[in-house]
C-alpha atoms as a PDB file:
ATOM      1  CA  MET A   1      -8.675   0.865 -10.934  1.00  0.00           C
ATOM      2  CA  LEU A   2     -12.088   1.948 -12.486  1.00  0.00           C
ATOM      3  CA  LYS A   3     -11.839   3.350 -15.975  1.00  0.00           C
ATOM      4  CA  ARG A   4     -13.120   7.120 -15.881  1.00  0.00           C
ATOM      5  CA  LYS A   5     -14.167   9.636 -18.529  1.00  0.00           C
ATOM      6  CA  MET A   6     -12.642  11.976 -16.108  1.00  0.00           C
ATOM      7  CA  LEU A   7      -8.972  10.435 -16.932  1.00  0.00           C
ATOM      8  CA  ASP A   8      -9.359  11.602 -20.553  1.00  0.00           C
ATOM      9  CA  LYS A   9     -10.401  14.989 -19.286  1.00  0.00           C
ATOM     10  CA  LEU A  10      -7.348  15.347 -17.441  1.00  0.00           C
ATOM     11  CA  ILE A  11      -5.061  14.523 -19.990  1.00  0.00           C
ATOM     12  CA  ALA A  12      -7.015  16.995 -22.522  1.00  0.00           C
ATOM     13  CA  TRP A  13      -6.540  19.338 -19.957  1.00  0.00           C
ATOM     14  CA  LYS A  14      -2.662  19.003 -19.617  1.00  0.00           C
ATOM     15  CA  GLN A  15      -1.987  19.559 -23.181  1.00  0.00           C
ATOM     16  CA  LYS A  16      -4.337  22.710 -23.579  1.00  0.00           C
ATOM     17  CA  ALA A  17      -3.344  24.258 -20.403  1.00  0.00           C
ATOM     18  CA  GLY A  18       0.497  23.626 -21.167  1.00  0.00           C
ATOM     19  CA  GLY A  19       1.020  24.778 -17.363  1.00  0.00           C
ATOM     20  CA  ARG A  20      -0.365  28.214 -17.508  1.00  0.00           C
ATOM     21  CA  GLU A  21      -3.720  27.394 -15.097  1.00  0.00           C
ATOM     22  CA  ALA A  22      -4.035  24.974 -12.321  1.00  0.00           C
ATOM     23  CA  LEU A  23      -7.082  22.389 -12.208  1.00  0.00           C
ATOM     24  CA  LEU A  24      -9.795  22.379  -9.324  1.00  0.00           C
ATOM     25  CA  ILE A  25     -12.034  19.539  -9.346  1.00  0.00           C
ATOM     26  CA  GLU A  26     -14.554  19.597  -7.220  1.00  0.00           C
ATOM     27  CA  GLY A  27     -17.349  17.043  -6.356  1.00  0.00           C
ATOM     28  CA  ALA A  28     -19.284  15.637  -3.600  1.00  0.00           C
ATOM     29  CA  ARG A  29     -17.405  13.382  -1.060  1.00  0.00           C
ATOM     30  CA  ARG A  30     -15.821  10.015  -2.144  1.00  0.00           C
ATOM     31  CA  VAL A  31     -16.768   9.974  -6.059  1.00  0.00           C
ATOM     32  CA  GLY A  32     -13.045   9.332  -6.485  1.00  0.00           C
ATOM     33  CA  LYS A  33     -11.217  13.046  -7.218  1.00  0.00           C
ATOM     34  CA  SER A  34      -8.141  11.765  -5.403  1.00  0.00           C
ATOM     35  CA  THR A  35      -8.071   8.364  -7.016  1.00  0.00           C
ATOM     36  CA  ILE A  36      -8.278   9.484 -10.598  1.00  0.00           C
ATOM     37  CA  VAL A  37      -5.726  12.779  -9.797  1.00  0.00           C
ATOM     38  CA  GLU A  38      -3.231  10.330  -8.205  1.00  0.00           C
ATOM     39  CA  GLU A  39      -3.622   7.716 -11.504  1.00  0.00           C
ATOM     40  CA  PHE A  40      -3.043  11.097 -13.638  1.00  0.00           C
ATOM     41  CA  GLY A  41       0.654  12.087 -11.957  1.00  0.00           C
ATOM     42  CA  ARG A  42       1.145   8.383 -12.185  1.00  0.00           C
ATOM     43  CA  THR A  43       0.398   7.645 -16.033  1.00  0.00           C
ATOM     44  CA  GLN A  44       0.965  11.128 -17.196  1.00  0.00           C
ATOM     45  CA  TYR A  45       3.831  12.557 -15.169  1.00  0.00           C
ATOM     46  CA  LYS A  46       7.416  11.508 -14.767  1.00  0.00           C
ATOM     47  CA  SER A  47       6.946  12.171 -10.914  1.00  0.00           C
ATOM     48  CA  TYR A  48       4.056  13.540  -8.675  1.00  0.00           C
ATOM     49  CA  ILE A  49       3.524  14.853  -4.950  1.00  0.00           C
ATOM     50  CA  LEU A  50       0.278  14.295  -3.522  1.00  0.00           C
ATOM     51  CA  ILE A  51      -0.355  16.986  -0.363  1.00  0.00           C
ATOM     52  CA  ASP A  52      -3.037  15.874   1.533  1.00  0.00           C
ATOM     53  CA  PHE A  53      -4.253  18.937   3.543  1.00  0.00           C
ATOM     54  CA  THR A  54      -6.703  16.534   5.664  1.00  0.00           C
ATOM     55  CA  ARG A  55      -3.312  15.076   7.297  1.00  0.00           C
ATOM     56  CA  LEU A  56      -1.160  18.130   6.583  1.00  0.00           C
ATOM     57  CA  PRO A  57       2.121  17.332   8.930  1.00  0.00           C
ATOM     58  CA  ARG A  58       3.232  20.219  10.734  1.00  0.00           C
ATOM     59  CA  ASP A  59       6.753  19.940   8.554  1.00  0.00           C
ATOM     60  CA  VAL A  60       4.845  20.613   5.314  1.00  0.00           C
ATOM     61  CA  ARG A  61       2.459  23.347   6.844  1.00  0.00           C
ATOM     62  CA  ASP A  62       5.833  24.853   7.797  1.00  0.00           C
ATOM     63  CA  ILE A  63       7.050  24.901   4.340  1.00  0.00           C
ATOM     64  CA  PHE A  64       3.869  26.516   3.319  1.00  0.00           C
ATOM     65  CA  GLU A  65       3.901  29.377   5.701  1.00  0.00           C
ATOM     66  CA  ASN A  66       7.692  29.639   5.898  1.00  0.00           C
ATOM     67  CA  GLN A  67       8.988  29.346   2.535  1.00  0.00           C
ATOM     68  CA  ARG A  68       5.956  31.306   0.342  1.00  0.00           C
ATOM     69  CA  ASP A  69       8.649  33.467  -1.255  1.00  0.00           C
ATOM     70  CA  ASP A  70      11.495  31.462  -1.921  1.00  0.00           C
ATOM     71  CA  PHE A  71      10.349  28.915  -4.297  1.00  0.00           C
ATOM     72  CA  ASP A  72      13.557  27.357  -4.906  1.00  0.00           C
ATOM     73  CA  THR A  73      13.714  25.917  -1.338  1.00  0.00           C
ATOM     74  CA  PHE A  74      10.059  25.444  -1.126  1.00  0.00           C
ATOM     75  CA  PHE A  75      10.116  23.213  -3.934  1.00  0.00           C
ATOM     76  CA  MET A  76      13.313  21.692  -2.620  1.00  0.00           C
ATOM     77  CA  LEU A  77      11.810  21.017   1.148  1.00  0.00           C
ATOM     78  CA  LEU A  78       8.632  19.566  -0.503  1.00  0.00           C
ATOM     79  CA  SER A  79      10.900  16.955  -2.845  1.00  0.00           C
ATOM     80  CA  ALA A  80      12.581  16.330   0.309  1.00  0.00           C
ATOM     81  CA  TYR A  81       9.715  15.358   2.534  1.00  0.00           C
ATOM     82  CA  TYR A  82       7.948  13.404   0.268  1.00  0.00           C
ATOM     83  CA  ARG A  83      11.069  12.047  -0.971  1.00  0.00           C
ATOM     84  CA  LYS A  84       9.887  12.562  -4.994  1.00  0.00           C
ATOM     85  CA  ARG A  85      12.580  14.066  -7.308  1.00  0.00           C
ATOM     86  CA  LEU A  86      10.639  17.094  -9.060  1.00  0.00           C
ATOM     87  CA  TYR A  87      11.209  17.808 -12.813  1.00  0.00           C
ATOM     88  CA  GLU A  88      10.504  20.768 -14.592  1.00  0.00           C
ATOM     89  CA  ARG A  89       7.498  20.577 -16.830  1.00  0.00           C
ATOM     90  CA  GLU A  90       7.359  17.075 -15.817  1.00  0.00           C
ATOM     91  CA  SER A  91       5.929  16.925 -12.696  1.00  0.00           C
ATOM     92  CA  LEU A  92       2.212  17.424 -11.044  1.00  0.00           C
ATOM     93  CA  ILE A  93       1.776  18.685  -7.662  1.00  0.00           C
ATOM     94  CA  ILE A  94      -1.789  17.587  -6.398  1.00  0.00           C
ATOM     95  CA  PHE A  95      -3.423  19.694  -3.236  1.00  0.00           C
ATOM     96  CA  ASP A  96      -5.865  17.323  -2.176  1.00  0.00           C
ATOM     97  CA  GLU A  97      -8.782  18.541  -0.423  1.00  0.00           C
ATOM     98  CA  VAL A  98      -7.340  21.951  -0.440  1.00  0.00           C
ATOM     99  CA  GLN A  99     -10.401  23.659   1.081  1.00  0.00           C
ATOM    100  CA  ARG A 100      -8.718  22.298   4.264  1.00  0.00           C
ATOM    101  CA  TYR A 101      -5.741  24.832   3.947  1.00  0.00           C
ATOM    102  CA  PRO A 102      -6.922  28.026   2.216  1.00  0.00           C
ATOM    103  CA  ALA A 103      -3.783  29.558   1.960  1.00  0.00           C
ATOM    104  CA  ALA A 104      -2.607  27.052  -0.162  1.00  0.00           C
ATOM    105  CA  ARG A 105      -5.318  27.641  -3.049  1.00  0.00           C
ATOM    106  CA  GLU A 106      -4.319  31.137  -2.874  1.00  0.00           C
ATOM    107  CA  LEU A 107      -0.423  30.611  -3.350  1.00  0.00           C
ATOM    108  CA  ILE A 108      -1.508  28.589  -6.702  1.00  0.00           C
ATOM    109  CA  LYS A 109      -1.695  32.175  -8.819  1.00  0.00           C
ATOM    110  CA  TYR A 110       2.330  31.989  -7.577  1.00  0.00           C
ATOM    111  CA  LEU A 111       3.194  28.630  -8.445  1.00  0.00           C
ATOM    112  CA  VAL A 112       1.763  28.367 -12.076  1.00  0.00           C
ATOM    113  CA  ALA A 113       3.012  32.037 -12.925  1.00  0.00           C
ATOM    114  CA  ASP A 114       6.375  30.344 -11.451  1.00  0.00           C
ATOM    115  CA  GLY A 115       5.889  27.746 -14.326  1.00  0.00           C
ATOM    116  CA  ARG A 116       7.977  24.714 -13.128  1.00  0.00           C
ATOM    117  CA  TYR A 117       5.236  22.153 -12.623  1.00  0.00           C
ATOM    118  CA  ASP A 118       1.440  21.448 -13.155  1.00  0.00           C
ATOM    119  CA  TYR A 119      -0.818  21.622 -10.103  1.00  0.00           C
ATOM    120  CA  VAL A 120      -4.311  19.744  -9.636  1.00  0.00           C
ATOM    121  CA  GLU A 121      -6.153  20.808  -6.415  1.00  0.00           C
ATOM    122  CA  THR A 122      -9.187  18.769  -5.369  1.00  0.00           C
ATOM    123  CA  GLY A 123     -12.138  19.704  -3.080  1.00  0.00           C
ATOM    124  CA  SER A 124     -15.294  18.743  -1.856  1.00  0.00           C
ATOM    125  CA  LEU A 125     -18.198  21.498  -3.105  1.00  0.00           C
ATOM    126  CA  ILE A 126     -19.725  22.627   0.046  1.00  0.00           C
ATOM    127  CA  SER A 127     -16.094  22.962   1.913  1.00  0.00           C
ATOM    128  CA  ILE A 128     -14.551  25.003  -0.812  1.00  0.00           C
ATOM    129  CA  LYS A 129     -17.298  27.373  -0.985  1.00  0.00           C
ATOM    130  CA  ARG A 130     -17.717  27.923   2.536  1.00  0.00           C
ATOM    131  CA  ASN A 131     -13.649  28.308   3.245  1.00  0.00           C
ATOM    132  CA  VAL A 132     -12.955  31.196   0.726  1.00  0.00           C
ATOM    133  CA  ALA A 133     -14.039  34.172   2.524  1.00  0.00           C
ATOM    134  CA  ASN A 134     -10.634  35.656   3.076  1.00  0.00           C
ATOM    135  CA  ILE A 135      -8.535  34.892  -0.149  1.00  0.00           C
ATOM    136  CA  VAL A 136      -8.354  35.764  -3.275  1.00  0.00           C
ATOM    137  CA  ILE A 137      -9.404  32.812  -5.738  1.00  0.00           C
ATOM    138  CA  PRO A 138      -6.337  32.607  -8.459  1.00  0.00           C
ATOM    139  CA  SER A 139      -7.721  33.771 -11.946  1.00  0.00           C
ATOM    140  CA  GLU A 140      -5.236  31.225 -13.146  1.00  0.00           C
ATOM    141  CA  GLU A 141      -7.537  28.230 -11.919  1.00  0.00           C
ATOM    142  CA  ARG A 142      -9.604  26.133 -13.897  1.00  0.00           C
ATOM    143  CA  LYS A 143     -12.965  24.624 -12.280  1.00  0.00           C
ATOM    144  CA  MET A 144     -13.912  20.828 -13.372  1.00  0.00           C
ATOM    145  CA  ASP A 145     -16.650  19.032 -11.404  1.00  0.00           C
ATOM    146  CA  MET A 146     -16.811  15.503 -10.833  1.00  0.00           C
ATOM    147  CA  GLY A 147     -19.465  13.470 -10.091  1.00  0.00           C
ATOM    148  CA  PRO A 148     -19.943   9.552  -8.992  1.00  0.00           C
ATOM    149  CA  LEU A 149     -20.195   6.666 -11.639  1.00  0.00           C
ATOM    150  CA  ASP A 150     -22.369   7.167 -14.696  1.00  0.00           C
ATOM    151  CA  PHE A 151     -24.171   4.537 -15.972  1.00  0.00           C
ATOM    152  CA  GLU A 152     -21.639   3.861 -18.668  1.00  0.00           C
ATOM    153  CA  GLU A 153     -18.758   3.748 -16.200  1.00  0.00           C
ATOM    154  CA  PHE A 154     -20.946   1.532 -14.200  1.00  0.00           C
ATOM    155  CA  CYS A 155     -20.935  -0.757 -17.337  1.00  0.00           C
ATOM    156  CA  TRP A 156     -17.399  -0.945 -17.910  1.00  0.00           C
ATOM    157  CA  ALA A 157     -16.583  -1.515 -13.772  1.00  0.00           C
ATOM    158  CA  MET A 158     -19.210  -4.735 -14.129  1.00  0.00           C
ATOM    159  CA  GLY A 159     -17.551  -5.878 -17.489  1.00  0.00           C
ATOM    160  CA  GLU A 160     -20.088  -4.570 -19.416  1.00  0.00           C
ATOM    161  CA  GLU A 161     -18.594  -3.087 -22.381  1.00  0.00           C
ATOM    162  CA  LEU A 162     -21.061  -4.633 -24.852  1.00  0.00           C
ATOM    163  CA  LEU A 163     -23.995  -3.367 -22.961  1.00  0.00           C
ATOM    164  CA  ALA A 164     -22.716   0.166 -22.478  1.00  0.00           C
ATOM    165  CA  GLU A 165     -21.787   0.491 -26.331  1.00  0.00           C
ATOM    166  CA  THR A 166     -25.628  -1.066 -27.255  1.00  0.00           C
ATOM    167  CA  ILE A 167     -27.284   1.719 -25.380  1.00  0.00           C
END
């Protein structure tokens, strides 16, 4: 796993937000958004569920379409489908490539208000901006941009920590 500065930003967001806002990580494709968010879920939470909207199974789509007014059932079915126990205030739900399913992004407002879990969304910049015409962007959503490795991160990846410190 590459060391990325974004992990520290995610940890700071978790401490500051306290479940009162979701986080949307925008960036170009293939810069490591999904990887770093999954690492964040694995290391900073008791459990996490990653919902990949590029490969959304019909069963999960049905949960989003049919249980959006009953969060007890919504979370129970997500937990059962992904075979992951969710712990109140100790679990993260990741909406990966959320631009593929705008209704999920719109639901974030109500999920955050429910307050049981933390939410991180990832998406590519162009697609997110294109797919917002018919949805209400949640005010409970904070945005962060993520780019490719910067030079310091590149030095870390190449085992050149001393060079990174020197520069």
